[in-house]
Amino acid sequence: EGASYDDMIAFRGKVESFANDLTQTSMMLKEAMDKVKAMQRALNRSDRENNELVAMLHDTKMGLMKMDMKMNGNSIKSEVGEKTPPTPRSRMFMGYRGLTTTYGPTAMQKEMVDIGIKELAAMKGELTQMIEETMPKLEAEMEEVGAPMIEGIGSN
């Protein structure tokens, strides 16, 4: 016997909420990555050198890229078809698969969604901290070295 109608509706809501949160977090991550890339380009155009800021921007970019890989997986490996560790995105898709059968979500699919939600919450916390603490420091440093203005940063 499959899942009840009420269980299916509740699980659908959980998966959709997870998918929305994943999309929002992915957008936050992309915006942060785009901003760091813009900062790197602007710093290259600055009149003053600041190797410490170059290193800080590089480290921030690498941290964001690592976060992207943890959230979405390694895009190169997935093209080749290699096995990769589960990600919140892959766990979300497993949840959606549980909604496409007449049986309903299995216990494993429910567990995968719950794990994905917890993983995403941890990543979102890390990303939020980076956006609220690290990025403003980088922006202030950019202004201090006289780097060209970047949309949304400073008052150069």
N, C-alpha and C. Protein backbone atom coordinates (compact mmCIF):
# COMPACT_ATOMS: atom_id res chain seq x y z
N GLU A 1 0.85 -1.18 0.00
CA GLU A 1 0.00 0.00 0.00
C GLU A 1 0.89 1.24 0.00
N GLY A 2 0.53 2.17 -0.81
CA GLY A 2 1.32 3.39 -0.94
C GLY A 2 0.97 4.43 0.12
N ALA A 3 1.56 5.58 -0.05
CA ALA A 3 1.35 6.69 0.88
C ALA A 3 -0.06 7.24 0.73
N SER A 4 -0.56 7.78 1.81
CA SER A 4 -1.90 8.39 1.77
C SER A 4 -1.84 9.71 1.01
N TYR A 5 -3.00 10.17 0.62
CA TYR A 5 -3.09 11.44 -0.10
C TYR A 5 -2.53 12.58 0.76
N ASP A 6 -2.87 12.58 2.03
CA ASP A 6 -2.38 13.62 2.95
C ASP A 6 -0.85 13.59 3.07
N ASP A 7 -0.29 12.38 3.13
CA ASP A 7 1.18 12.25 3.20
C ASP A 7 1.83 12.77 1.93
N MET A 8 1.21 12.48 0.80
CA MET A 8 1.74 12.96 -0.49
C MET A 8 1.72 14.50 -0.53
N ILE A 9 0.62 15.09 -0.09
CA ILE A 9 0.50 16.55 -0.10
C ILE A 9 1.53 17.17 0.84
N ALA A 10 1.70 16.60 2.02
CA ALA A 10 2.68 17.12 2.99
C ALA A 10 4.09 17.00 2.44
N PHE A 11 4.40 15.85 1.82
CA PHE A 11 5.74 15.65 1.27
C PHE A 11 5.98 16.60 0.10
N ARG A 12 4.98 16.78 -0.74
CA ARG A 12 5.11 17.71 -1.87
C ARG A 12 5.43 19.12 -1.35
N GLY A 13 4.73 19.54 -0.32
CA GLY A 13 5.00 20.86 0.26
C GLY A 13 6.42 20.97 0.79
N LYS A 14 6.89 19.92 1.43
CA LYS A 14 8.25 19.91 1.98
C LYS A 14 9.29 19.99 0.86
N VAL A 15 9.08 19.19 -0.19
CA VAL A 15 10.03 19.18 -1.31
C VAL A 15 10.00 20.53 -2.03
N GLU A 16 8.84 21.10 -2.24
CA GLU A 16 8.75 22.39 -2.92
C GLU A 16 9.39 23.50 -2.10
N SER A 17 9.19 23.47 -0.80
CA SER A 17 9.82 24.45 0.08
C SER A 17 11.34 24.31 0.03
N PHE A 18 11.81 23.07 0.04
CA PHE A 18 13.24 22.78 -0.07
C PHE A 18 13.78 23.30 -1.40
N ALA A 19 13.05 23.05 -2.47
CA ALA A 19 13.49 23.50 -3.80
C ALA A 19 13.56 25.02 -3.85
N ASN A 20 12.57 25.70 -3.26
CA ASN A 20 12.58 27.17 -3.24
C ASN A 20 13.77 27.69 -2.45
N ASP A 21 14.05 27.08 -1.30
CA ASP A 21 15.17 27.49 -0.47
C ASP A 21 16.49 27.25 -1.21
N LEU A 22 16.58 26.13 -1.90
CA LEU A 22 17.78 25.82 -2.68
C LEU A 22 17.98 26.84 -3.79
N THR A 23 16.90 27.21 -4.46
CA THR A 23 16.99 28.22 -5.52
C THR A 23 17.44 29.56 -4.96
N GLN A 24 16.84 29.97 -3.85
CA GLN A 24 17.21 31.24 -3.23
C GLN A 24 18.68 31.24 -2.80
N THR A 25 19.12 30.15 -2.21
CA THR A 25 20.51 30.05 -1.76
C THR A 25 21.45 30.05 -2.97
N SER A 26 21.08 29.36 -4.02
CA SER A 26 21.89 29.34 -5.24
C SER A 26 22.02 30.74 -5.84
N MET A 27 20.94 31.50 -5.80
CA MET A 27 20.97 32.87 -6.32
C MET A 27 21.88 33.75 -5.45
N MET A 28 21.80 33.58 -4.13
CA MET A 28 22.68 34.34 -3.23
C MET A 28 24.14 34.00 -3.52
N LEU A 29 24.42 32.73 -3.73
CA LEU A 29 25.78 32.28 -4.01
C LEU A 29 26.27 32.85 -5.34
N LYS A 30 25.44 32.82 -6.36
CA LYS A 30 25.84 33.35 -7.66
C LYS A 30 26.11 34.85 -7.57
N GLU A 31 25.26 35.59 -6.86
CA GLU A 31 25.48 37.03 -6.71
C GLU A 31 26.79 37.31 -5.99
N ALA A 32 27.09 36.53 -4.95
CA ALA A 32 28.34 36.71 -4.21
C ALA A 32 29.54 36.40 -5.11
N MET A 33 29.44 35.34 -5.90
CA MET A 33 30.54 34.98 -6.81
C MET A 33 30.74 36.07 -7.86
N ASP A 34 29.64 36.57 -8.41
CA ASP A 34 29.74 37.63 -9.42
C ASP A 34 30.37 38.88 -8.82
N LYS A 35 30.02 39.20 -7.58
CA LYS A 35 30.55 40.40 -6.93
C LYS A 35 32.05 40.24 -6.69
N VAL A 36 32.48 39.07 -6.25
CA VAL A 36 33.92 38.85 -6.01
C VAL A 36 34.68 38.94 -7.32
N LYS A 37 34.14 38.37 -8.39
CA LYS A 37 34.80 38.46 -9.70
C LYS A 37 34.92 39.92 -10.14
N ALA A 38 33.86 40.70 -9.92
CA ALA A 38 33.89 42.12 -10.28
C ALA A 38 34.93 42.86 -9.43
N MET A 39 35.03 42.51 -8.17
CA MET A 39 36.04 43.12 -7.30
C MET A 39 37.45 42.80 -7.79
N GLN A 40 37.65 41.57 -8.21
CA GLN A 40 38.98 41.19 -8.72
C GLN A 40 39.32 41.99 -9.97
N ARG A 41 38.36 42.15 -10.87
CA ARG A 41 38.61 42.94 -12.09
C ARG A 41 38.89 44.40 -11.73
N ALA A 42 38.11 44.94 -10.80
CA ALA A 42 38.30 46.34 -10.39
C ALA A 42 39.66 46.53 -9.71
N LEU A 43 40.05 45.58 -8.89
CA LEU A 43 41.34 45.69 -8.21
C LEU A 43 42.49 45.66 -9.21
N ASN A 44 42.34 44.89 -10.28
CA ASN A 44 43.36 44.86 -11.33
C ASN A 44 43.50 46.22 -12.01
N ARG A 45 42.45 47.02 -11.97
CA ARG A 45 42.46 48.34 -12.60
C ARG A 45 42.85 49.45 -11.62
N SER A 46 43.07 49.08 -10.37
CA SER A 46 43.41 50.05 -9.34
C SER A 46 44.83 50.57 -9.55
N ASP A 47 45.07 51.80 -9.12
CA ASP A 47 46.40 52.40 -9.24
C ASP A 47 47.36 51.85 -8.18
N ARG A 48 46.81 51.42 -7.06
CA ARG A 48 47.66 50.92 -5.98
C ARG A 48 47.57 49.40 -5.88
N GLU A 49 48.72 48.79 -5.59
CA GLU A 49 48.74 47.35 -5.39
C GLU A 49 48.45 47.03 -3.94
N ASN A 50 47.77 45.93 -3.73
CA ASN A 50 47.49 45.47 -2.39
C ASN A 50 47.43 43.94 -2.44
N ASN A 51 48.58 43.32 -2.22
CA ASN A 51 48.66 41.86 -2.33
C ASN A 51 47.79 41.15 -1.31
N GLU A 52 47.63 41.77 -0.14
CA GLU A 52 46.79 41.16 0.89
C GLU A 52 45.34 41.10 0.42
N LEU A 53 44.87 42.16 -0.22
CA LEU A 53 43.51 42.19 -0.74
C LEU A 53 43.35 41.20 -1.88
N VAL A 54 44.37 41.09 -2.73
CA VAL A 54 44.33 40.10 -3.81
C VAL A 54 44.14 38.70 -3.22
N ALA A 55 44.90 38.40 -2.17
CA ALA A 55 44.80 37.09 -1.51
C ALA A 55 43.44 36.90 -0.86
N MET A 56 42.92 37.94 -0.22
CA MET A 56 41.61 37.84 0.43
C MET A 56 40.51 37.57 -0.61
N LEU A 57 40.58 38.27 -1.73
CA LEU A 57 39.59 38.06 -2.79
C LEU A 57 39.70 36.64 -3.35
N HIS A 58 40.93 36.19 -3.54
CA HIS A 58 41.15 34.83 -4.06
C HIS A 58 40.59 33.79 -3.08
N ASP A 59 40.89 33.95 -1.81
CA ASP A 59 40.41 33.00 -0.80
C ASP A 59 38.88 33.00 -0.73
N THR A 60 38.29 34.18 -0.82
CA THR A 60 36.83 34.28 -0.80
C THR A 60 36.23 33.59 -2.02
N LYS A 61 36.82 33.82 -3.18
CA LYS A 61 36.33 33.18 -4.41
C LYS A 61 36.45 31.66 -4.30
N MET A 62 37.57 31.18 -3.78
CA MET A 62 37.75 29.73 -3.63
C MET A 62 36.73 29.16 -2.64
N GLY A 63 36.46 29.89 -1.56
CA GLY A 63 35.46 29.44 -0.59
C GLY A 63 34.08 29.35 -1.21
N LEU A 64 33.74 30.33 -2.04
CA LEU A 64 32.44 30.32 -2.71
C LEU A 64 32.35 29.18 -3.73
N MET A 65 33.44 28.94 -4.44
CA MET A 65 33.45 27.84 -5.41
C MET A 65 33.31 26.49 -4.70
N LYS A 66 33.98 26.36 -3.57
CA LYS A 66 33.87 25.13 -2.79
C LYS A 66 32.43 24.93 -2.31
N MET A 67 31.81 26.02 -1.87
CA MET A 67 30.42 25.96 -1.42
C MET A 67 29.51 25.55 -2.57
N ASP A 68 29.76 26.09 -3.76
CA ASP A 68 28.97 25.75 -4.93
C ASP A 68 29.09 24.26 -5.23
N MET A 69 30.29 23.73 -5.12
CA MET A 69 30.50 22.31 -5.40
C MET A 69 29.77 21.44 -4.36
N LYS A 70 29.81 21.87 -3.09
CA LYS A 70 29.11 21.11 -2.04
C LYS A 70 27.61 21.16 -2.25
N MET A 71 27.10 22.27 -2.75
CA MET A 71 25.66 22.44 -2.92
C MET A 71 25.15 21.78 -4.20
N ASN A 72 25.93 21.90 -5.28
CA ASN A 72 25.46 21.46 -6.58
C ASN A 72 26.23 20.30 -7.20
N GLY A 73 27.37 19.95 -6.62
CA GLY A 73 28.18 18.88 -7.17
C GLY A 73 29.20 19.40 -8.16
N ASN A 74 30.06 18.51 -8.60
CA ASN A 74 31.10 18.85 -9.55
C ASN A 74 30.54 18.71 -10.96
N SER A 75 30.36 19.85 -11.63
CA SER A 75 29.73 19.83 -12.96
C SER A 75 30.56 19.05 -13.98
N ILE A 76 31.86 19.07 -13.85
CA ILE A 76 32.72 18.35 -14.81
C ILE A 76 32.57 16.85 -14.62
N LYS A 77 32.59 16.39 -13.37
CA LYS A 77 32.43 14.96 -13.13
C LYS A 77 31.05 14.48 -13.57
N SER A 78 30.02 15.30 -13.37
CA SER A 78 28.68 14.86 -13.75
C SER A 78 28.54 14.73 -15.26
N GLU A 79 29.29 15.53 -16.01
CA GLU A 79 29.26 15.41 -17.47
C GLU A 79 29.82 14.06 -17.92
N VAL A 80 30.85 13.59 -17.22
CA VAL A 80 31.51 12.35 -17.58
C VAL A 80 30.70 11.16 -17.08
N GLY A 81 29.88 11.37 -16.06
CA GLY A 81 29.08 10.29 -15.53
C GLY A 81 29.71 9.61 -14.33
N GLU A 82 30.74 10.24 -13.75
CA GLU A 82 31.38 9.67 -12.57
C GLU A 82 30.50 9.82 -11.35
N LYS A 83 30.72 8.94 -10.39
CA LYS A 83 29.99 9.02 -9.13
C LYS A 83 30.51 10.22 -8.35
N THR A 84 29.60 10.95 -7.77
CA THR A 84 29.96 12.09 -6.92
C THR A 84 29.18 11.99 -5.63
N PRO A 85 29.68 12.60 -4.56
CA PRO A 85 28.93 12.55 -3.30
C PRO A 85 27.58 13.24 -3.45
N PRO A 86 26.60 12.80 -2.67
CA PRO A 86 25.28 13.45 -2.73
C PRO A 86 25.38 14.92 -2.33
N THR A 87 24.53 15.72 -2.92
CA THR A 87 24.47 17.15 -2.63
C THR A 87 23.03 17.50 -2.26
N PRO A 88 22.80 18.67 -1.68
CA PRO A 88 21.41 19.06 -1.44
C PRO A 88 20.57 19.03 -2.73
N ARG A 89 21.18 19.42 -3.84
CA ARG A 89 20.44 19.42 -5.11
C ARG A 89 20.05 17.99 -5.52
N SER A 90 20.98 17.05 -5.41
CA SER A 90 20.65 15.67 -5.79
C SER A 90 19.62 15.08 -4.84
N ARG A 91 19.69 15.46 -3.56
CA ARG A 91 18.71 14.97 -2.59
C ARG A 91 17.32 15.55 -2.88
N MET A 92 17.28 16.79 -3.33
CA MET A 92 16.00 17.40 -3.68
C MET A 92 15.38 16.66 -4.88
N PHE A 93 16.19 16.33 -5.87
CA PHE A 93 15.67 15.61 -7.03
C PHE A 93 15.16 14.22 -6.63
N MET A 94 15.82 13.61 -5.65
CA MET A 94 15.34 12.32 -5.17
C MET A 94 13.94 12.48 -4.55
N GLY A 95 13.74 13.58 -3.87
CA GLY A 95 12.42 13.86 -3.31
C GLY A 95 11.38 14.01 -4.40
N TYR A 96 11.74 14.73 -5.47
CA TYR A 96 10.79 14.89 -6.58
C TYR A 96 10.45 13.55 -7.22
N ARG A 97 11.43 12.64 -7.27
CA ARG A 97 11.14 11.31 -7.83
C ARG A 97 10.07 10.59 -7.02
N GLY A 98 10.08 10.83 -5.70
CA GLY A 98 9.08 10.20 -4.85
C GLY A 98 7.67 10.70 -5.12
N LEU A 99 7.57 11.81 -5.80
CA LEU A 99 6.26 12.38 -6.11
C LEU A 99 5.73 11.94 -7.47
N THR A 100 6.52 11.19 -8.22
CA THR A 100 6.13 10.82 -9.57
C THR A 100 5.60 9.40 -9.68
N THR A 101 5.48 8.72 -8.55
CA THR A 101 4.99 7.35 -8.59
C THR A 101 3.60 7.27 -7.95
N THR A 102 2.91 6.20 -8.24
CA THR A 102 1.61 6.00 -7.60
C THR A 102 1.78 5.50 -6.17
N TYR A 103 2.96 4.98 -5.85
CA TYR A 103 3.23 4.48 -4.50
C TYR A 103 3.44 5.62 -3.51
N GLY A 104 4.09 6.68 -3.98
CA GLY A 104 4.41 7.80 -3.10
C GLY A 104 5.85 7.72 -2.64
N PRO A 105 6.27 8.67 -1.83
CA PRO A 105 7.67 8.70 -1.40
C PRO A 105 7.99 7.53 -0.46
N THR A 106 9.17 6.97 -0.68
CA THR A 106 9.63 5.89 0.20
C THR A 106 10.29 6.50 1.43
N ALA A 107 10.57 5.67 2.40
CA ALA A 107 11.24 6.13 3.62
C ALA A 107 12.61 6.70 3.27
N MET A 108 13.31 6.07 2.32
CA MET A 108 14.62 6.56 1.91
C MET A 108 14.51 7.95 1.26
N GLN A 109 13.52 8.14 0.43
CA GLN A 109 13.35 9.44 -0.22
C GLN A 109 13.03 10.52 0.81
N LYS A 110 12.21 10.20 1.77
CA LYS A 110 11.91 11.15 2.84
C LYS A 110 13.16 11.50 3.64
N GLU A 111 13.96 10.48 3.93
CA GLU A 111 15.19 10.69 4.69
C GLU A 111 16.18 11.55 3.89
N MET A 112 16.28 11.29 2.60
CA MET A 112 17.20 12.08 1.76
C MET A 112 16.80 13.55 1.73
N VAL A 113 15.51 13.82 1.65
CA VAL A 113 15.03 15.21 1.66
C VAL A 113 15.37 15.86 3.00
N ASP A 114 15.14 15.15 4.10
CA ASP A 114 15.45 15.70 5.42
C ASP A 114 16.96 15.99 5.56
N ILE A 115 17.79 15.08 5.07
CA ILE A 115 19.24 15.30 5.12
C ILE A 115 19.61 16.51 4.26
N GLY A 116 19.04 16.59 3.07
CA GLY A 116 19.32 17.71 2.17
C GLY A 116 18.93 19.04 2.79
N ILE A 117 17.80 19.08 3.48
CA ILE A 117 17.35 20.32 4.12
C ILE A 117 18.36 20.74 5.19
N LYS A 118 18.83 19.79 5.97
CA LYS A 118 19.83 20.09 7.02
C LYS A 118 21.15 20.56 6.40
N GLU A 119 21.59 19.87 5.35
CA GLU A 119 22.83 20.27 4.69
C GLU A 119 22.72 21.69 4.12
N LEU A 120 21.60 21.96 3.49
CA LEU A 120 21.40 23.28 2.89
C LEU A 120 21.36 24.36 3.95
N ALA A 121 20.72 24.08 5.08
CA ALA A 121 20.65 25.07 6.16
C ALA A 121 22.06 25.42 6.65
N ALA A 122 22.92 24.43 6.78
CA ALA A 122 24.30 24.69 7.21
C ALA A 122 25.04 25.53 6.18
N MET A 123 24.88 25.18 4.91
CA MET A 123 25.54 25.93 3.84
C MET A 123 25.01 27.35 3.76
N LYS A 124 23.71 27.50 3.93
CA LYS A 124 23.11 28.84 3.86
C LYS A 124 23.62 29.70 5.00
N GLY A 125 23.80 29.11 6.18
CA GLY A 125 24.36 29.84 7.31
C GLY A 125 25.77 30.30 7.03
N GLU A 126 26.57 29.43 6.44
CA GLU A 126 27.96 29.75 6.08
C GLU A 126 27.99 30.86 5.02
N LEU A 127 27.12 30.75 4.03
CA LEU A 127 27.05 31.76 2.98
C LEU A 127 26.59 33.10 3.53
N THR A 128 25.59 33.08 4.37
CA THR A 128 25.08 34.32 4.97
C THR A 128 26.17 35.01 5.77
N GLN A 129 26.92 34.24 6.52
CA GLN A 129 28.03 34.80 7.30
C GLN A 129 29.06 35.45 6.37
N MET A 130 29.36 34.78 5.28
CA MET A 130 30.33 35.33 4.33
C MET A 130 29.81 36.63 3.72
N ILE A 131 28.53 36.65 3.37
CA ILE A 131 27.94 37.83 2.75
C ILE A 131 27.86 38.99 3.75
N GLU A 132 27.52 38.69 4.99
CA GLU A 132 27.33 39.76 5.98
C GLU A 132 28.62 40.20 6.66
N GLU A 133 29.64 39.35 6.70
CA GLU A 133 30.87 39.71 7.40
C GLU A 133 32.06 39.91 6.46
N THR A 134 32.34 38.93 5.62
CA THR A 134 33.52 38.99 4.76
C THR A 134 33.36 40.02 3.64
N MET A 135 32.21 40.00 2.96
CA MET A 135 32.03 40.88 1.82
C MET A 135 32.13 42.37 2.20
N PRO A 136 31.50 42.83 3.30
CA PRO A 136 31.66 44.24 3.66
C PRO A 136 33.12 44.63 3.94
N LYS A 137 33.89 43.72 4.52
CA LYS A 137 35.31 43.99 4.75
C LYS A 137 36.04 44.16 3.43
N LEU A 138 35.73 43.28 2.48
CA LEU A 138 36.36 43.38 1.16
C LEU A 138 35.96 44.68 0.47
N GLU A 139 34.70 45.03 0.59
CA GLU A 139 34.22 46.27 -0.03
C GLU A 139 34.93 47.49 0.55
N ALA A 140 35.12 47.49 1.86
CA ALA A 140 35.82 48.61 2.51
C ALA A 140 37.27 48.68 2.05
N GLU A 141 37.91 47.54 1.94
CA GLU A 141 39.30 47.49 1.46
C GLU A 141 39.38 47.99 0.02
N MET A 142 38.40 47.61 -0.80
CA MET A 142 38.38 48.04 -2.20
C MET A 142 38.32 49.57 -2.27
N GLU A 143 37.47 50.14 -1.45
CA GLU A 143 37.32 51.59 -1.43
C GLU A 143 38.62 52.25 -0.97
N GLU A 144 39.25 51.63 0.02
CA GLU A 144 40.48 52.18 0.59
C GLU A 144 41.63 52.24 -0.42
N VAL A 145 41.71 51.23 -1.29
CA VAL A 145 42.80 51.23 -2.28
C VAL A 145 42.42 52.03 -3.52
N GLY A 146 41.23 52.58 -3.55
CA GLY A 146 40.84 53.42 -4.69
C GLY A 146 40.50 52.63 -5.94
N ALA A 147 40.02 51.41 -5.74
CA ALA A 147 39.63 50.60 -6.92
C ALA A 147 38.43 51.25 -7.58
N PRO A 148 38.28 51.07 -8.89
CA PRO A 148 37.12 51.62 -9.59
C PRO A 148 35.81 51.13 -8.97
N MET A 149 34.81 51.97 -9.07
CA MET A 149 33.51 51.63 -8.48
C MET A 149 32.90 50.41 -9.13
N ILE A 150 32.26 49.60 -8.28
CA ILE A 150 31.53 48.41 -8.74
C ILE A 150 30.08 48.64 -8.37
N GLU A 151 29.18 48.27 -9.25
CA GLU A 151 27.76 48.45 -8.98
C GLU A 151 27.40 47.85 -7.63
N GLY A 152 26.75 48.67 -6.80
CA GLY A 152 26.29 48.19 -5.50
C GLY A 152 27.32 48.28 -4.40
N ILE A 153 28.50 48.84 -4.70
CA ILE A 153 29.55 48.94 -3.68
C ILE A 153 30.04 50.37 -3.58
N GLY A 154 30.05 50.88 -2.38
CA GLY A 154 30.73 52.13 -2.07
C GLY A 154 30.17 53.36 -2.76
N SER A 155 30.93 54.43 -2.57
CA SER A 155 30.51 55.72 -3.11
C SER A 155 31.64 56.40 -3.86
N ASN A 156 32.50 55.58 -4.52
CA ASN A 156 33.66 56.15 -5.23
C ASN A 156 33.24 57.24 -6.15
